[in-house]
N, C-alpha and C. Protein backbone atom coordinates (compact mmCIF):
# COMPACT_ATOMS: atom_id res chain seq x y z
N MET A 1 6.67 3.71 -6.98
CA MET A 1 5.54 4.49 -6.53
C MET A 1 4.42 4.46 -7.57
N THR A 2 4.77 4.44 -8.84
CA THR A 2 3.75 4.40 -9.90
C THR A 2 2.92 3.13 -9.80
N ASN A 3 3.57 2.00 -9.52
CA ASN A 3 2.84 0.75 -9.37
C ASN A 3 1.85 0.83 -8.22
N ASP A 4 2.26 1.49 -7.13
CA ASP A 4 1.36 1.65 -5.99
C ASP A 4 0.16 2.50 -6.36
N MET A 5 0.39 3.55 -7.14
CA MET A 5 -0.72 4.42 -7.54
C MET A 5 -1.68 3.66 -8.46
N MET A 6 -1.13 2.83 -9.33
CA MET A 6 -1.99 2.03 -10.22
C MET A 6 -2.78 1.02 -9.41
N ALA A 7 -2.14 0.42 -8.39
CA ALA A 7 -2.84 -0.53 -7.53
C ALA A 7 -3.97 0.16 -6.78
N LEU A 8 -3.72 1.37 -6.30
CA LEU A 8 -4.76 2.11 -5.60
C LEU A 8 -5.90 2.47 -6.55
N LYS A 9 -5.57 2.87 -7.78
CA LYS A 9 -6.59 3.20 -8.76
C LYS A 9 -7.46 1.98 -9.06
N GLY A 10 -6.83 0.81 -9.23
CA GLY A 10 -7.56 -0.42 -9.47
C GLY A 10 -8.45 -0.78 -8.30
N LEU A 11 -7.96 -0.56 -7.08
CA LEU A 11 -8.73 -0.83 -5.88
C LEU A 11 -9.97 0.06 -5.82
N VAL A 12 -9.80 1.33 -6.13
CA VAL A 12 -10.93 2.27 -6.10
C VAL A 12 -11.98 1.89 -7.14
N GLU A 13 -11.53 1.45 -8.31
CA GLU A 13 -12.46 1.12 -9.38
C GLU A 13 -13.27 -0.14 -9.12
N LYS A 14 -12.73 -1.09 -8.35
CA LYS A 14 -13.41 -2.37 -8.20
C LYS A 14 -14.20 -2.52 -6.90
N THR A 15 -14.05 -1.60 -5.94
CA THR A 15 -14.76 -1.74 -4.68
C THR A 15 -16.03 -0.92 -4.64
N SER A 16 -16.95 -1.34 -3.80
CA SER A 16 -18.17 -0.57 -3.61
C SER A 16 -17.87 0.60 -2.67
N ASP A 17 -18.75 1.57 -2.64
CA ASP A 17 -18.54 2.76 -1.81
C ASP A 17 -18.43 2.43 -0.33
N SER A 18 -19.17 1.44 0.13
CA SER A 18 -19.15 1.12 1.56
C SER A 18 -17.81 0.55 2.00
N ASP A 19 -17.09 -0.10 1.11
CA ASP A 19 -15.81 -0.70 1.46
C ASP A 19 -14.62 0.19 1.09
N LEU A 20 -14.86 1.26 0.38
CA LEU A 20 -13.77 2.08 -0.14
C LEU A 20 -12.88 2.65 0.96
N LEU A 21 -13.47 3.27 1.96
CA LEU A 21 -12.67 3.89 3.02
C LEU A 21 -11.85 2.85 3.77
N ARG A 22 -12.46 1.71 4.10
CA ARG A 22 -11.75 0.66 4.81
C ARG A 22 -10.56 0.16 3.99
N ASP A 23 -10.77 -0.05 2.71
CA ASP A 23 -9.70 -0.55 1.84
C ASP A 23 -8.59 0.48 1.66
N MET A 24 -8.95 1.76 1.58
CA MET A 24 -7.94 2.81 1.43
C MET A 24 -7.09 2.92 2.69
N ILE A 25 -7.73 2.82 3.85
CA ILE A 25 -6.98 2.87 5.11
C ILE A 25 -6.06 1.67 5.22
N SER A 26 -6.53 0.52 4.84
CA SER A 26 -5.72 -0.70 4.87
C SER A 26 -4.51 -0.57 3.94
N PHE A 27 -4.74 -0.08 2.74
CA PHE A 27 -3.66 0.11 1.76
C PHE A 27 -2.61 1.07 2.31
N THR A 28 -3.06 2.19 2.87
CA THR A 28 -2.16 3.21 3.40
C THR A 28 -1.37 2.66 4.58
N ALA A 29 -2.03 1.94 5.47
CA ALA A 29 -1.34 1.38 6.63
C ALA A 29 -0.27 0.38 6.21
N GLU A 30 -0.59 -0.46 5.24
CA GLU A 30 0.40 -1.43 4.74
C GLU A 30 1.63 -0.73 4.18
N ARG A 31 1.41 0.30 3.37
CA ARG A 31 2.55 1.02 2.77
C ARG A 31 3.37 1.73 3.84
N LEU A 32 2.71 2.35 4.83
CA LEU A 32 3.44 3.03 5.89
C LEU A 32 4.29 2.05 6.70
N MET A 33 3.72 0.88 7.00
CA MET A 33 4.48 -0.13 7.74
C MET A 33 5.67 -0.62 6.92
N ALA A 34 5.48 -0.83 5.63
CA ALA A 34 6.56 -1.28 4.77
C ALA A 34 7.67 -0.24 4.69
N LEU A 35 7.29 1.03 4.60
CA LEU A 35 8.29 2.09 4.56
C LEU A 35 9.05 2.20 5.87
N GLU A 36 8.35 2.02 6.98
CA GLU A 36 9.01 2.07 8.28
C GLU A 36 10.02 0.92 8.42
N VAL A 37 9.62 -0.27 8.03
CA VAL A 37 10.52 -1.43 8.11
C VAL A 37 11.72 -1.25 7.18
N SER A 38 11.48 -0.78 5.96
CA SER A 38 12.60 -0.60 5.03
C SER A 38 13.55 0.48 5.54
N GLY A 39 13.03 1.48 6.21
CA GLY A 39 13.89 2.50 6.79
C GLY A 39 14.73 1.97 7.93
N MET A 40 14.18 1.06 8.71
CA MET A 40 14.90 0.48 9.83
C MET A 40 15.93 -0.56 9.38
N THR A 41 15.62 -1.31 8.34
CA THR A 41 16.51 -2.39 7.91
C THR A 41 17.42 -2.02 6.76
N GLY A 42 17.06 -0.99 6.02
CA GLY A 42 17.85 -0.60 4.85
C GLY A 42 17.52 -1.41 3.62
N ALA A 43 16.57 -2.34 3.73
CA ALA A 43 16.16 -3.15 2.58
C ALA A 43 14.98 -2.50 1.88
N GLY A 44 14.93 -2.63 0.57
CA GLY A 44 13.83 -2.08 -0.20
C GLY A 44 12.58 -2.93 -0.09
N TYR A 45 11.51 -2.46 -0.68
CA TYR A 45 10.23 -3.16 -0.66
C TYR A 45 10.37 -4.53 -1.33
N HIS A 46 10.00 -5.59 -0.67
CA HIS A 46 10.07 -6.98 -1.13
C HIS A 46 11.50 -7.51 -1.26
N GLU A 47 12.49 -6.83 -0.69
CA GLU A 47 13.87 -7.34 -0.68
C GLU A 47 14.03 -8.31 0.47
N LYS A 48 14.82 -9.34 0.26
CA LYS A 48 15.03 -10.35 1.29
C LYS A 48 16.30 -10.12 2.10
N ASN A 49 17.22 -9.32 1.64
CA ASN A 49 18.49 -9.16 2.37
C ASN A 49 18.64 -7.81 2.98
């Protein structure tokens, strides 16, 4: 989770204000989808098995 927070912080620092909301929504949607899939499969984030 710490790595995700650092990635979000880096994203906020490098984007312009007009793209910030779009990028934050994209980041959140990706994480939610990954959590849903890992919950269904029992595999962790980036696990292959």
